[in-house]
Amino acid sequence: MIDKVAREFRDTKILLAHFGKPWMNETVEVMMKNRNVFADISTLTVKPWQLYNGLRLAVEGHVTDRLVFGSDFPSFEPRQAATDFLGIADLAMPLPIERAVLEDILYNRPFDLILPD
């Protein structure tokens, strides 16, 4: 459904909440096909394994440039969520997520949504 809407309204930026959870694979697929689709990572900072896997999909799909940080405040405190998010870079994983990728999402991404192309 999102894919069809994204194709019909190419000039409209679409933000999928919670990385499309539980359909993160499908979210990345839609993002790969549609440059106007973004996703936030809110609520996932308390689930590092799930967040890591979603980020791996995004890295492999070359869509990290359209991921947006979110804490899901007031459910989660923004400062703690940001700290937890950056902590993903410190996980001992065979395919780590580079800290630079995480910092880019955390500090730069919101502007991509509000500034014109």
Protein backbone atom coordinates (compact mmCIF):
# COMPACT_ATOMS: atom_id res chain seq x y z
CA MET A 1 0.00 0.00 0.00
CA ILE A 2 2.75 2.49 0.94
CA ASP A 3 4.62 1.65 -2.24
CA LYS A 4 1.60 2.53 -4.35
CA VAL A 5 1.00 5.80 -2.49
CA ALA A 6 4.70 6.71 -2.73
CA ARG A 7 4.66 6.12 -6.49
CA GLU A 8 1.45 8.08 -7.00
CA PHE A 9 2.64 11.06 -4.95
CA ARG A 10 6.35 11.31 -5.73
CA ASP A 11 6.51 14.94 -4.57
CA THR A 12 5.19 14.03 -1.13
CA LYS A 13 7.65 12.90 1.52
CA ILE A 14 6.31 9.98 3.54
CA LEU A 15 7.65 9.14 6.99
CA LEU A 16 7.02 5.62 8.29
CA ALA A 17 6.99 5.48 12.07
CA HIS A 18 8.97 2.98 14.13
CA PHE A 19 10.90 1.81 11.04
CA GLY A 20 7.72 0.09 9.90
CA LYS A 21 8.03 -2.39 12.77
CA PRO A 22 7.46 -5.31 12.56
CA TRP A 23 7.90 -5.04 8.78
CA MET A 24 11.40 -3.57 8.68
CA ASN A 25 12.45 -5.68 5.68
CA GLU A 26 9.49 -4.42 3.71
CA THR A 27 10.11 -0.86 4.88
CA VAL A 28 13.65 -0.96 3.51
CA GLU A 29 12.39 -2.44 0.24
CA VAL A 30 9.88 0.39 -0.15
CA MET A 31 12.57 2.94 0.70
CA MET A 32 14.88 1.42 -1.90
CA LYS A 33 12.19 1.82 -4.55
CA ASN A 34 10.97 5.27 -3.53
CA ARG A 35 13.26 8.20 -2.72
CA ASN A 36 10.34 10.02 -1.09
CA VAL A 37 9.92 7.42 1.68
CA PHE A 38 11.66 7.93 5.03
CA ALA A 39 11.48 5.99 8.29
CA ASP A 40 12.10 6.92 11.89
CA ILE A 41 13.72 4.61 14.41
CA SER A 42 11.67 5.66 17.43
CA THR A 43 10.93 3.01 20.07
CA LEU A 44 13.70 0.79 18.72
CA THR A 45 16.44 2.19 20.96
CA VAL A 46 15.15 0.03 23.82
CA LYS A 47 15.44 -3.03 21.57
CA PRO A 48 19.07 -2.94 20.44
CA TRP A 49 19.04 -6.27 18.62
CA GLN A 50 15.99 -5.28 16.60
CA LEU A 51 17.46 -1.84 15.94
CA TYR A 52 20.79 -3.34 14.87
CA ASN A 53 19.07 -5.67 12.41
CA GLY A 54 16.99 -2.85 10.97
CA LEU A 55 20.07 -0.68 10.58
CA ARG A 56 21.94 -3.54 8.87
CA LEU A 57 19.08 -3.79 6.37
CA ALA A 58 19.23 -0.03 5.81
CA VAL A 59 23.01 -0.07 5.34
CA GLU A 60 22.81 -2.95 2.87
CA GLY A 61 19.90 -1.29 1.06
CA HIS A 62 21.72 2.06 0.94
CA VAL A 63 18.85 3.92 2.58
CA THR A 64 20.43 5.20 5.79
CA ASP A 65 20.24 8.68 4.27
CA ARG A 66 16.48 8.51 4.82
CA LEU A 67 16.41 7.24 8.39
CA VAL A 68 15.37 9.73 11.04
CA PHE A 69 16.11 9.57 14.74
CA GLY A 70 13.17 9.64 17.10
CA SER A 71 12.85 8.87 20.80
CA ASP A 72 9.07 8.38 20.93
CA PHE A 73 8.85 10.95 23.72
CA PRO A 74 7.16 10.93 26.22
CA SER A 75 7.43 7.14 26.29
CA PHE A 76 11.22 7.37 26.15
CA GLU A 77 13.52 10.18 27.26
CA PRO A 78 15.22 11.73 24.19
CA ARG A 79 18.71 12.06 25.69
CA GLN A 80 18.75 8.43 26.83
CA ALA A 81 17.35 7.27 23.50
CA ALA A 82 20.13 9.15 21.68
CA THR A 83 22.78 7.59 23.93
CA ASP A 84 21.32 4.13 23.39
CA PHE A 85 21.16 4.74 19.65
CA LEU A 86 24.83 5.70 19.43
CA GLY A 87 25.65 2.65 21.56
CA ILE A 88 24.71 0.44 18.62
CA ALA A 89 28.15 1.26 17.18
CA ASP A 90 29.75 -0.36 20.23
CA LEU A 91 28.01 -3.72 19.86
CA ALA A 92 30.41 -6.56 19.17
CA MET A 93 28.91 -7.68 15.88
CA PRO A 94 30.51 -9.29 12.83
CA LEU A 95 29.05 -6.49 10.68
CA PRO A 96 29.17 -3.39 12.87
CA ILE A 97 27.23 -0.23 12.18
CA GLU A 98 29.70 2.63 11.79
CA ARG A 99 29.38 5.38 14.36
CA ALA A 100 29.52 7.97 11.55
CA VAL A 101 26.33 6.50 10.06
CA LEU A 102 24.58 6.71 13.43
CA GLU A 103 25.77 10.26 14.05
CA ASP A 104 24.57 11.30 10.61
CA ILE A 105 21.12 9.90 11.35
CA LEU A 106 21.03 11.47 14.81
CA TYR A 107 22.32 14.93 13.96
CA ASN A 108 21.60 15.61 10.28
CA ARG A 109 18.56 13.77 9.13
CA PRO A 110 15.63 15.96 10.18
CA PHE A 111 16.75 18.67 7.77
CA ASP A 112 16.38 16.29 4.82
CA LEU A 113 12.69 16.06 5.54
CA ILE A 114 11.93 19.75 5.82
CA LEU A 115 14.26 21.30 3.26
CA PRO A 116 13.30 21.20 -0.40
CA ASP A 117 15.21 18.84 -2.68
